[in-house]
Amino acid sequence: MIIKRFTKEWPLHLLLLPGIAFAIVFSYVPMAGIAIAFEKFIPTRGIFTSPWVGWKNFEYMIHYPDIKRIMYNTLYIALMKIICGLIVPITISILLNELRKAFFKRIVQTLIYLPHFLSWVLLGGILIDLMSPSSGIINQFLGFFGVKPIFFLGSNEWFPYTLVVSDIWKEFGFSTIVYLAALTGINPSLYEAAEIDGASRWKQTWHITLPGILPIVVLMATLSIGNILNAGFEQIFNLYSPAVFESGDIIDTFVYRMGFEQVQYGLATAVGLLKSVVSLILISISYTLAYRFAGYRIF
């Protein structure tokens, strides 16, 4: 029976081989590098012959002067992105759902969806020009109202909020699609009955629309827990500078600087390993919560 089934499905198994090979070569083989977290890694000696130091890299990480600030920045920026990443797409999807002109609705959907396909390398250059304190169009616009130029990308006060706003602008169009799909699953007869009873559009939204998409909101919120330590390396790396390390330096950028710039491979690997372990725990918790409260299952 097994042989007969295999002979029937062997083309499908053959199609899986490139993906399996890719995962093994780029995901599993590099895991041998975890040993660097427990070594005083010397590139010329390699992973297997570098001196073994045990937990010293982790001890050094815990007592590193800036580690508390880096953890705080990571959690603060990531939490703001998660919360705003739920509120903005839900609001926009409800507003789009109220549009009666299908052509205009499609145009708006396309426009807000396009930034998702742009890389942060490109957007970083655009935002640097737009937010320049001297010639940026945003500060020029604010100048018409008597507002002094704001150094969005060079001020520790403004930089975290600049990250959150620009990230939401880039990604909320993609998330909106999920909630628009959820809105189509609401029974139209509920709105018809509410209109007959004299309910306003606001009451229909509050008592029908929001409860109708609540399971999807709970699902997206619980799944986002796994990203609590991912504050967005690509975005921050392309926008930050030493002037805003105090408010913008996160775990990923710290690992990059320690590993590639200061050649402290052991410390960088230890921090990255700790983040991976915590992320694995949070992802497991998020999937458990998603299954319990939203009925979500991977298989």
C-alpha atoms as a PDB file:
ATOM      1  CA  MET A   1       0.000   0.000   0.000  1.00  0.00           C
ATOM      2  CA  ILE A   2       2.792   2.405   0.949  1.00  0.00           C
ATOM      3  CA  ILE A   3       4.797   1.525  -2.184  1.00  0.00           C
ATOM      4  CA  LYS A   4       1.724   1.976  -4.381  1.00  0.00           C
ATOM      5  CA  ARG A   5       1.002   5.369  -2.833  1.00  0.00           C
ATOM      6  CA  PHE A   6       4.624   6.480  -3.191  1.00  0.00           C
ATOM      7  CA  THR A   7       4.749   5.516  -6.882  1.00  0.00           C
ATOM      8  CA  LYS A   8       1.616   7.573  -7.384  1.00  0.00           C
ATOM      9  CA  GLU A   9       2.815  10.652  -5.483  1.00  0.00           C
ATOM     10  CA  TRP A  10       6.573  10.588  -6.234  1.00  0.00           C
ATOM     11  CA  PRO A  11       6.412  13.726  -8.456  1.00  0.00           C
ATOM     12  CA  LEU A  12       5.074  15.669  -5.463  1.00  0.00           C
ATOM     13  CA  HIS A  13       7.871  14.371  -3.247  1.00  0.00           C
ATOM     14  CA  LEU A  14      10.355  15.321  -5.942  1.00  0.00           C
ATOM     15  CA  LEU A  15       9.036  18.881  -5.920  1.00  0.00           C
ATOM     16  CA  LEU A  16       9.686  19.029  -2.173  1.00  0.00           C
ATOM     17  CA  LEU A  17      13.378  18.188  -2.506  1.00  0.00           C
ATOM     18  CA  PRO A  18      14.622  21.709  -3.469  1.00  0.00           C
ATOM     19  CA  GLY A  19      12.765  23.232  -0.516  1.00  0.00           C
ATOM     20  CA  ILE A  20      14.072  20.597   1.870  1.00  0.00           C
ATOM     21  CA  ALA A  21      17.624  21.053   0.591  1.00  0.00           C
ATOM     22  CA  PHE A  22      17.310  24.838   0.938  1.00  0.00           C
ATOM     23  CA  ALA A  23      16.074  24.497   4.540  1.00  0.00           C
ATOM     24  CA  ILE A  24      18.874  22.084   5.456  1.00  0.00           C
ATOM     25  CA  VAL A  25      21.665  24.165   3.910  1.00  0.00           C
ATOM     26  CA  PHE A  26      20.521  27.609   5.057  1.00  0.00           C
ATOM     27  CA  SER A  27      18.583  26.861   8.268  1.00  0.00           C
ATOM     28  CA  TYR A  28      19.917  23.712   9.915  1.00  0.00           C
ATOM     29  CA  VAL A  29      23.602  23.561   8.931  1.00  0.00           C
ATOM     30  CA  PRO A  30      24.282  27.138  10.179  1.00  0.00           C
ATOM     31  CA  MET A  31      22.931  26.116  13.598  1.00  0.00           C
ATOM     32  CA  ALA A  32      26.371  24.662  14.281  1.00  0.00           C
ATOM     33  CA  GLY A  33      27.427  28.276  14.740  1.00  0.00           C
ATOM     34  CA  ILE A  34      25.532  28.337  18.051  1.00  0.00           C
ATOM     35  CA  ALA A  35      28.741  26.972  19.567  1.00  0.00           C
ATOM     36  CA  ILE A  36      30.296  30.424  19.057  1.00  0.00           C
ATOM     37  CA  ALA A  37      28.137  31.701  21.931  1.00  0.00           C
ATOM     38  CA  PHE A  38      30.158  29.496  24.286  1.00  0.00           C
ATOM     39  CA  GLU A  39      33.569  30.243  22.804  1.00  0.00           C
ATOM     40  CA  LYS A  40      36.107  33.016  22.513  1.00  0.00           C
ATOM     41  CA  PHE A  41      35.731  32.761  18.764  1.00  0.00           C
ATOM     42  CA  ILE A  42      38.872  33.306  16.704  1.00  0.00           C
ATOM     43  CA  PRO A  43      38.106  33.379  12.955  1.00  0.00           C
ATOM     44  CA  THR A  44      41.484  31.918  11.992  1.00  0.00           C
ATOM     45  CA  ARG A  45      40.936  28.900  14.244  1.00  0.00           C
ATOM     46  CA  GLY A  46      37.304  28.253  13.342  1.00  0.00           C
ATOM     47  CA  ILE A  47      34.367  26.992  15.388  1.00  0.00           C
ATOM     48  CA  PHE A  48      35.809  23.648  16.435  1.00  0.00           C
ATOM     49  CA  THR A  49      39.234  24.812  17.668  1.00  0.00           C
ATOM     50  CA  SER A  50      38.439  28.186  19.278  1.00  0.00           C
ATOM     51  CA  PRO A  51      38.859  28.338  23.088  1.00  0.00           C
ATOM     52  CA  TRP A  52      35.795  27.212  25.049  1.00  0.00           C
ATOM     53  CA  VAL A  53      34.641  29.786  27.653  1.00  0.00           C
ATOM     54  CA  GLY A  54      31.293  28.315  28.710  1.00  0.00           C
ATOM     55  CA  TRP A  55      28.792  30.889  30.005  1.00  0.00           C
ATOM     56  CA  LYS A  56      31.213  33.831  30.125  1.00  0.00           C
ATOM     57  CA  ASN A  57      29.705  35.489  27.047  1.00  0.00           C
ATOM     58  CA  PHE A  58      26.260  35.357  28.648  1.00  0.00           C
ATOM     59  CA  GLU A  59      27.625  36.732  31.931  1.00  0.00           C
ATOM     60  CA  TYR A  60      29.304  39.565  30.038  1.00  0.00           C
ATOM     61  CA  MET A  61      26.045  40.204  28.176  1.00  0.00           C
ATOM     62  CA  ILE A  62      24.049  40.470  31.414  1.00  0.00           C
ATOM     63  CA  HIS A  63      26.527  42.967  32.887  1.00  0.00           C
ATOM     64  CA  TYR A  64      26.956  44.938  29.656  1.00  0.00           C
ATOM     65  CA  PRO A  65      26.235  48.619  30.483  1.00  0.00           C
ATOM     66  CA  ASP A  66      23.710  49.228  27.686  1.00  0.00           C
ATOM     67  CA  ILE A  67      21.854  45.893  27.696  1.00  0.00           C
ATOM     68  CA  LYS A  68      18.890  47.186  29.758  1.00  0.00           C
ATOM     69  CA  ARG A  69      18.441  50.156  27.450  1.00  0.00           C
ATOM     70  CA  ILE A  70      18.650  47.924  24.378  1.00  0.00           C
ATOM     71  CA  MET A  71      16.040  45.522  25.781  1.00  0.00           C
ATOM     72  CA  TYR A  72      13.778  48.439  26.684  1.00  0.00           C
ATOM     73  CA  ASN A  73      14.074  49.967  23.204  1.00  0.00           C
ATOM     74  CA  THR A  74      13.312  46.618  21.592  1.00  0.00           C
ATOM     75  CA  LEU A  75      10.212  45.959  23.692  1.00  0.00           C
ATOM     76  CA  TYR A  76       8.981  49.563  23.515  1.00  0.00           C
ATOM     77  CA  ILE A  77       9.259  49.885  19.732  1.00  0.00           C
ATOM     78  CA  ALA A  78       7.938  46.378  19.075  1.00  0.00           C
ATOM     79  CA  LEU A  79       4.912  46.849  21.366  1.00  0.00           C
ATOM     80  CA  MET A  80       4.015  50.161  19.739  1.00  0.00           C
ATOM     81  CA  LYS A  81       4.252  48.568  16.301  1.00  0.00           C
ATOM     82  CA  ILE A  82       2.078  45.613  17.361  1.00  0.00           C
ATOM     83  CA  ILE A  83      -0.632  47.790  18.957  1.00  0.00           C
ATOM     84  CA  CYS A  84      -0.747  50.332  16.133  1.00  0.00           C
ATOM     85  CA  GLY A  85      -0.457  47.476  13.623  1.00  0.00           C
ATOM     86  CA  LEU A  86      -3.792  46.198  14.932  1.00  0.00           C
ATOM     87  CA  ILE A  87      -5.677  49.460  15.419  1.00  0.00           C
ATOM     88  CA  VAL A  88      -4.852  51.141  12.084  1.00  0.00           C
ATOM     89  CA  PRO A  89      -5.670  48.211   9.717  1.00  0.00           C
ATOM     90  CA  ILE A  90      -8.920  47.461  11.580  1.00  0.00           C
ATOM     91  CA  THR A  91     -10.005  51.102  11.342  1.00  0.00           C
ATOM     92  CA  ILE A  92      -9.073  51.424   7.663  1.00  0.00           C
ATOM     93  CA  SER A  93     -10.741  48.119   6.732  1.00  0.00           C
ATOM     94  CA  ILE A  94     -13.996  49.206   8.396  1.00  0.00           C
ATOM     95  CA  LEU A  95     -13.871  52.560   6.585  1.00  0.00           C
ATOM     96  CA  LEU A  96     -13.168  50.867   3.255  1.00  0.00           C
ATOM     97  CA  ASN A  97     -16.024  48.458   3.871  1.00  0.00           C
ATOM     98  CA  GLU A  98     -18.366  51.442   4.143  1.00  0.00           C
ATOM     99  CA  LEU A  99     -17.434  52.752   0.683  1.00  0.00           C
ATOM    100  CA  ARG A 100     -20.142  52.207  -1.913  1.00  0.00           C
ATOM    101  CA  LYS A 101     -18.075  53.103  -5.011  1.00  0.00           C
ATOM    102  CA  ALA A 102     -16.263  49.852  -5.876  1.00  0.00           C
ATOM    103  CA  PHE A 103     -13.888  51.592  -8.319  1.00  0.00           C
ATOM    104  CA  PHE A 104     -12.740  54.142  -5.743  1.00  0.00           C
ATOM    105  CA  LYS A 105     -12.451  51.406  -3.124  1.00  0.00           C
ATOM    106  CA  ARG A 106     -10.103  49.381  -5.365  1.00  0.00           C
ATOM    107  CA  ILE A 107      -7.953  52.451  -6.044  1.00  0.00           C
ATOM    108  CA  VAL A 108      -7.567  53.161  -2.318  1.00  0.00           C
ATOM    109  CA  GLN A 109      -6.744  49.513  -1.603  1.00  0.00           C
ATOM    110  CA  THR A 110      -4.052  49.510  -4.291  1.00  0.00           C
ATOM    111  CA  LEU A 111      -2.476  52.764  -3.089  1.00  0.00           C
ATOM    112  CA  ILE A 112      -2.218  51.697   0.554  1.00  0.00           C
ATOM    113  CA  TYR A 113      -0.983  48.229  -0.439  1.00  0.00           C
ATOM    114  CA  LEU A 114       1.883  49.384  -2.690  1.00  0.00           C
ATOM    115  CA  PRO A 115       4.373  50.460   0.047  1.00  0.00           C
ATOM    116  CA  HIS A 116       4.456  46.870   1.308  1.00  0.00           C
ATOM    117  CA  PHE A 117       6.450  45.869  -1.792  1.00  0.00           C
ATOM    118  CA  LEU A 118       9.136  48.544  -1.340  1.00  0.00           C
ATOM    119  CA  SER A 119      12.315  47.616   0.522  1.00  0.00           C
ATOM    120  CA  TRP A 120      13.540  49.614   3.491  1.00  0.00           C
ATOM    121  CA  VAL A 121      16.720  50.386   1.569  1.00  0.00           C
ATOM    122  CA  LEU A 122      14.644  52.388  -0.903  1.00  0.00           C
ATOM    123  CA  LEU A 123      12.211  53.785   1.651  1.00  0.00           C
ATOM    124  CA  GLY A 124      15.067  54.723   3.973  1.00  0.00           C
ATOM    125  CA  GLY A 125      16.542  57.047   1.357  1.00  0.00           C
ATOM    126  CA  ILE A 126      13.117  58.535   0.622  1.00  0.00           C
ATOM    127  CA  LEU A 127      12.331  59.142   4.298  1.00  0.00           C
ATOM    128  CA  ILE A 128      15.732  60.701   4.935  1.00  0.00           C
ATOM    129  CA  ASP A 129      15.014  63.244   2.185  1.00  0.00           C
ATOM    130  CA  LEU A 130      11.421  63.861   3.266  1.00  0.00           C
ATOM    131  CA  MET A 131      12.319  64.337   6.941  1.00  0.00           C
ATOM    132  CA  SER A 132      15.433  66.429   6.493  1.00  0.00           C
ATOM    133  CA  PRO A 133      15.337  69.316   9.007  1.00  0.00           C
ATOM    134  CA  SER A 134      16.620  71.805   6.423  1.00  0.00           C
ATOM    135  CA  SER A 135      15.123  70.812   3.064  1.00  0.00           C
ATOM    136  CA  GLY A 136      12.618  68.057   3.856  1.00  0.00           C
ATOM    137  CA  ILE A 137       9.103  68.587   2.571  1.00  0.00           C
ATOM    138  CA  ILE A 138       7.584  67.594   5.924  1.00  0.00           C
ATOM    139  CA  ASN A 139       9.444  70.305   7.845  1.00  0.00           C
ATOM    140  CA  GLN A 140       8.701  72.798   5.093  1.00  0.00           C
ATOM    141  CA  PHE A 141       5.003  72.012   5.453  1.00  0.00           C
ATOM    142  CA  LEU A 142       5.171  72.351   9.239  1.00  0.00           C
ATOM    143  CA  GLY A 143       6.964  75.665   8.753  1.00  0.00           C
ATOM    144  CA  PHE A 144       3.792  77.154   7.225  1.00  0.00           C
ATOM    145  CA  PHE A 145       2.152  76.720  10.634  1.00  0.00           C
ATOM    146  CA  GLY A 146       5.051  78.246  12.520  1.00  0.00           C
ATOM    147  CA  VAL A 147       6.497  74.929  13.709  1.00  0.00           C
ATOM    148  CA  LYS A 148      10.263  74.867  14.079  1.00  0.00           C
ATOM    149  CA  PRO A 149      12.183  72.200  12.086  1.00  0.00           C
ATOM    150  CA  ILE A 150      12.103  68.781  13.747  1.00  0.00           C
ATOM    151  CA  PHE A 151      15.043  66.398  13.417  1.00  0.00           C
ATOM    152  CA  PHE A 152      12.912  63.252  13.144  1.00  0.00           C
ATOM    153  CA  LEU A 153      15.831  60.917  12.465  1.00  0.00           C
ATOM    154  CA  GLY A 154      18.355  62.600  14.752  1.00  0.00           C
ATOM    155  CA  SER A 155      16.349  63.276  17.898  1.00  0.00           C
ATOM    156  CA  ASN A 156      15.992  60.626  20.596  1.00  0.00           C
ATOM    157  CA  GLU A 157      12.625  62.132  21.451  1.00  0.00           C
ATOM    158  CA  TRP A 158      11.162  61.735  17.960  1.00  0.00           C
ATOM    159  CA  PHE A 159      13.015  58.758  16.522  1.00  0.00           C
ATOM    160  CA  PRO A 160      10.959  55.883  18.090  1.00  0.00           C
ATOM    161  CA  TYR A 161       7.687  57.456  16.952  1.00  0.00           C
ATOM    162  CA  THR A 162       9.118  58.045  13.488  1.00  0.00           C
ATOM    163  CA  LEU A 163       9.935  54.327  13.304  1.00  0.00           C
ATOM    164  CA  VAL A 164       6.436  53.296  14.343  1.00  0.00           C
ATOM    165  CA  VAL A 165       4.609  55.696  12.021  1.00  0.00           C
ATOM    166  CA  SER A 166       6.743  54.841   8.984  1.00  0.00           C
ATOM    167  CA  ASP A 167       6.431  51.091   9.662  1.00  0.00           C
ATOM    168  CA  ILE A 168       2.633  51.307   9.994  1.00  0.00           C
ATOM    169  CA  TRP A 169       2.438  53.374   6.793  1.00  0.00           C
ATOM    170  CA  LYS A 170       4.392  50.687   4.959  1.00  0.00           C
ATOM    171  CA  GLU A 171       2.594  47.609   6.278  1.00  0.00           C
ATOM    172  CA  PHE A 172      -0.986  48.523   7.247  1.00  0.00           C
ATOM    173  CA  GLY A 173      -2.251  48.053   3.683  1.00  0.00           C
ATOM    174  CA  PHE A 174      -1.179  44.408   3.721  1.00  0.00           C
ATOM    175  CA  SER A 175      -2.841  43.766   7.093  1.00  0.00           C
ATOM    176  CA  THR A 176      -6.017  45.500   5.915  1.00  0.00           C
ATOM    177  CA  ILE A 177      -6.602  42.693   3.416  1.00  0.00           C
ATOM    178  CA  VAL A 178      -6.989  40.187   6.259  1.00  0.00           C
ATOM    179  CA  TYR A 179      -9.691  42.240   7.980  1.00  0.00           C
ATOM    180  CA  LEU A 180     -11.487  43.037   4.722  1.00  0.00           C
ATOM    181  CA  ALA A 181     -11.677  39.294   4.078  1.00  0.00           C
ATOM    182  CA  ALA A 182     -13.102  38.815   7.578  1.00  0.00           C
ATOM    183  CA  LEU A 183     -15.713  41.513   6.948  1.00  0.00           C
ATOM    184  CA  THR A 184     -17.017  39.651   3.894  1.00  0.00           C
ATOM    185  CA  GLY A 185     -17.879  36.733   6.170  1.00  0.00           C
ATOM    186  CA  ILE A 186     -20.422  38.751   8.166  1.00  0.00           C
ATOM    187  CA  ASN A 187     -24.027  37.905   7.265  1.00  0.00           C
ATOM    188  CA  PRO A 188     -25.590  40.913   5.423  1.00  0.00           C
ATOM    189  CA  SER A 189     -28.976  40.074   6.942  1.00  0.00           C
ATOM    190  CA  LEU A 190     -27.649  41.278  10.302  1.00  0.00           C
ATOM    191  CA  TYR A 191     -27.185  44.775   8.886  1.00  0.00           C
ATOM    192  CA  GLU A 192     -30.616  44.674   7.250  1.00  0.00           C
ATOM    193  CA  ALA A 193     -32.249  43.720  10.531  1.00  0.00           C
ATOM    194  CA  ALA A 194     -30.325  46.470  12.333  1.00  0.00           C
ATOM    195  CA  GLU A 195     -31.483  49.082   9.804  1.00  0.00           C
ATOM    196  CA  ILE A 196     -35.092  47.995  10.257  1.00  0.00           C
ATOM    197  CA  ASP A 197     -34.662  48.432  14.012  1.00  0.00           C
ATOM    198  CA  GLY A 198     -33.310  51.951  13.417  1.00  0.00           C
ATOM    199  CA  ALA A 199     -29.664  51.340  14.290  1.00  0.00           C
ATOM    200  CA  SER A 200     -27.232  53.982  13.025  1.00  0.00           C
ATOM    201  CA  ARG A 201     -24.082  53.115  11.069  1.00  0.00           C
ATOM    202  CA  TRP A 202     -22.020  53.649  14.210  1.00  0.00           C
ATOM    203  CA  LYS A 203     -24.167  51.226  16.237  1.00  0.00           C
ATOM    204  CA  GLN A 204     -24.062  48.691  13.393  1.00  0.00           C
ATOM    205  CA  THR A 205     -20.271  48.947  13.409  1.00  0.00           C
ATOM    206  CA  TRP A 206     -20.061  48.610  17.187  1.00  0.00           C
ATOM    207  CA  HIS A 207     -22.572  45.774  17.615  1.00  0.00           C
ATOM    208  CA  ILE A 208     -22.190  43.824  14.336  1.00  0.00           C
ATOM    209  CA  THR A 209     -18.954  44.624  12.497  1.00  0.00           C
ATOM    210  CA  LEU A 210     -16.516  44.573  15.409  1.00  0.00           C
ATOM    211  CA  PRO A 211     -17.951  41.401  17.028  1.00  0.00           C
ATOM    212  CA  GLY A 212     -17.967  39.785  13.571  1.00  0.00           C
ATOM    213  CA  ILE A 213     -14.233  40.246  13.059  1.00  0.00           C
ATOM    214  CA  LEU A 214     -13.290  39.772  16.719  1.00  0.00           C
ATOM    215  CA  PRO A 215     -12.024  36.167  16.227  1.00  0.00           C
ATOM    216  CA  ILE A 216      -9.623  37.373  13.508  1.00  0.00           C
ATOM    217  CA  VAL A 217      -8.499  40.289  15.688  1.00  0.00           C
ATOM    218  CA  VAL A 218      -7.797  37.897  18.576  1.00  0.00           C
ATOM    219  CA  LEU A 219      -5.940  35.564  16.216  1.00  0.00           C
ATOM    220  CA  MET A 220      -3.738  38.327  14.764  1.00  0.00           C
ATOM    221  CA  ALA A 221      -3.065  39.757  18.225  1.00  0.00           C
ATOM    222  CA  THR A 222      -2.000  36.421  19.695  1.00  0.00           C
ATOM    223  CA  LEU A 223       0.178  35.528  16.706  1.00  0.00           C
ATOM    224  CA  SER A 224       1.921  38.903  16.968  1.00  0.00           C
ATOM    225  CA  ILE A 225       3.202  37.974  20.439  1.00  0.00           C
ATOM    226  CA  GLY A 226       5.947  35.974  18.744  1.00  0.00           C
ATOM    227  CA  ASN A 227       7.304  39.202  17.216  1.00  0.00           C
ATOM    228  CA  ILE A 228       7.674  41.012  20.517  1.00  0.00           C
ATOM    229  CA  LEU A 229      11.487  40.984  20.189  1.00  0.00           C
ATOM    230  CA  ASN A 230      11.486  41.845  16.473  1.00  0.00           C
ATOM    231  CA  ALA A 231      11.425  45.627  16.342  1.00  0.00           C
ATOM    232  CA  GLY A 232      12.481  45.753  12.673  1.00  0.00           C
ATOM    233  CA  PHE A 233      16.192  45.462  11.924  1.00  0.00           C
ATOM    234  CA  GLU A 234      16.036  46.504   8.251  1.00  0.00           C
ATOM    235  CA  GLN A 235      14.072  49.649   8.992  1.00  0.00           C
ATOM    236  CA  ILE A 236      16.166  50.798  11.938  1.00  0.00           C
ATOM    237  CA  PHE A 237      19.469  49.893  10.281  1.00  0.00           C
ATOM    238  CA  ASN A 238      18.630  52.107   7.300  1.00  0.00           C
ATOM    239  CA  LEU A 239      17.348  55.024   9.382  1.00  0.00           C
ATOM    240  CA  TYR A 240      19.339  55.218  12.602  1.00  0.00           C
ATOM    241  CA  SER A 241      22.686  56.829  13.405  1.00  0.00           C
ATOM    242  CA  PRO A 242      24.949  57.068  16.488  1.00  0.00           C
ATOM    243  CA  ALA A 243      22.967  60.155  17.530  1.00  0.00           C
ATOM    244  CA  VAL A 244      19.869  58.031  18.220  1.00  0.00           C
ATOM    245  CA  PHE A 245      21.469  54.897  19.656  1.00  0.00           C
ATOM    246  CA  GLU A 246      19.967  55.836  23.008  1.00  0.00           C
ATOM    247  CA  SER A 247      16.379  55.459  21.747  1.00  0.00           C
ATOM    248  CA  GLY A 248      16.756  53.367  18.587  1.00  0.00           C
ATOM    249  CA  ASP A 249      19.354  50.699  19.292  1.00  0.00           C
ATOM    250  CA  ILE A 250      17.623  47.302  19.502  1.00  0.00           C
ATOM    251  CA  ILE A 251      18.806  43.711  19.951  1.00  0.00           C
ATOM    252  CA  ASP A 252      19.312  43.056  16.234  1.00  0.00           C
ATOM    253  CA  THR A 253      21.287  46.243  15.570  1.00  0.00           C
ATOM    254  CA  PHE A 254      23.349  45.607  18.724  1.00  0.00           C
ATOM    255  CA  VAL A 255      24.193  42.096  17.486  1.00  0.00           C
ATOM    256  CA  TYR A 256      25.181  43.524  14.108  1.00  0.00           C
ATOM    257  CA  ARG A 257      27.484  46.144  15.621  1.00  0.00           C
ATOM    258  CA  MET A 258      29.072  43.755  18.107  1.00  0.00           C
ATOM    259  CA  GLY A 259      29.637  41.047  15.505  1.00  0.00           C
ATOM    260  CA  PHE A 260      30.553  42.849  12.305  1.00  0.00           C
ATOM    261  CA  GLU A 261      31.892  46.183  13.529  1.00  0.00           C
ATOM    262  CA  GLN A 262      33.542  45.350  16.872  1.00  0.00           C
ATOM    263  CA  VAL A 263      34.380  41.708  16.029  1.00  0.00           C
ATOM    264  CA  GLN A 264      32.953  40.373  19.310  1.00  0.00           C
ATOM    265  CA  TYR A 265      31.472  37.278  17.728  1.00  0.00           C
ATOM    266  CA  GLY A 266      30.965  35.378  20.983  1.00  0.00           C
ATOM    267  CA  LEU A 267      28.949  38.177  22.601  1.00  0.00           C
ATOM    268  CA  ALA A 268      26.912  38.806  19.448  1.00  0.00           C
ATOM    269  CA  THR A 269      26.068  35.111  19.099  1.00  0.00           C
ATOM    270  CA  ALA A 270      25.124  34.868  22.789  1.00  0.00           C
ATOM    271  CA  VAL A 271      22.701  37.784  22.473  1.00  0.00           C
ATOM    272  CA  GLY A 272      21.252  36.379  19.261  1.00  0.00           C
ATOM    273  CA  LEU A 273      20.855  32.929  20.814  1.00  0.00           C
ATOM    274  CA  LEU A 274      19.070  34.342  23.857  1.00  0.00           C
ATOM    275  CA  LYS A 275      16.717  36.281  21.607  1.00  0.00           C
ATOM    276  CA  SER A 276      15.988  33.157  19.536  1.00  0.00           C
ATOM    277  CA  VAL A 277      15.184  31.086  22.629  1.00  0.00           C
ATOM    278  CA  VAL A 278      12.850  33.763  24.032  1.00  0.00           C
ATOM    279  CA  SER A 279      11.205  34.196  20.616  1.00  0.00           C
ATOM    280  CA  LEU A 280      10.659  30.428  20.356  1.00  0.00           C
ATOM    281  CA  ILE A 281       8.936  30.432  23.752  1.00  0.00           C
ATOM    282  CA  LEU A 282       6.766  33.426  22.828  1.00  0.00           C
ATOM    283  CA  ILE A 283       5.805  31.907  19.470  1.00  0.00           C
ATOM    284  CA  SER A 284       4.808  28.655  21.205  1.00  0.00           C
ATOM    285  CA  ILE A 285       2.699  30.632  23.681  1.00  0.00           C
ATOM    286  CA  SER A 286       1.107  32.677  20.893  1.00  0.00           C
ATOM    287  CA  TYR A 287       0.103  29.592  18.902  1.00  0.00           C
ATOM    288  CA  THR A 288      -1.310  27.987  22.048  1.00  0.00           C
ATOM    289  CA  LEU A 289      -3.378  31.106  22.768  1.00  0.00           C
ATOM    290  CA  ALA A 290      -4.463  31.335  19.125  1.00  0.00           C
ATOM    291  CA  TYR A 291      -5.691  27.732  19.266  1.00  0.00           C
ATOM    292  CA  ARG A 292      -7.484  28.221  22.570  1.00  0.00           C
ATOM    293  CA  PHE A 293      -9.175  31.572  21.897  1.00  0.00           C
ATOM    294  CA  ALA A 294      -9.489  31.652  18.078  1.00  0.00           C
ATOM    295  CA  GLY A 295      -9.512  27.977  17.089  1.00  0.00           C
ATOM    296  CA  TYR A 296      -6.398  28.456  14.949  1.00  0.00           C
ATOM    297  CA  ARG A 297      -4.402  25.354  14.061  1.00  0.00           C
ATOM    298  CA  ILE A 298      -1.344  24.987  11.819  1.00  0.00           C
ATOM    299  CA  PHE A 299      -2.478  21.607  10.493  1.00  0.00           C
END
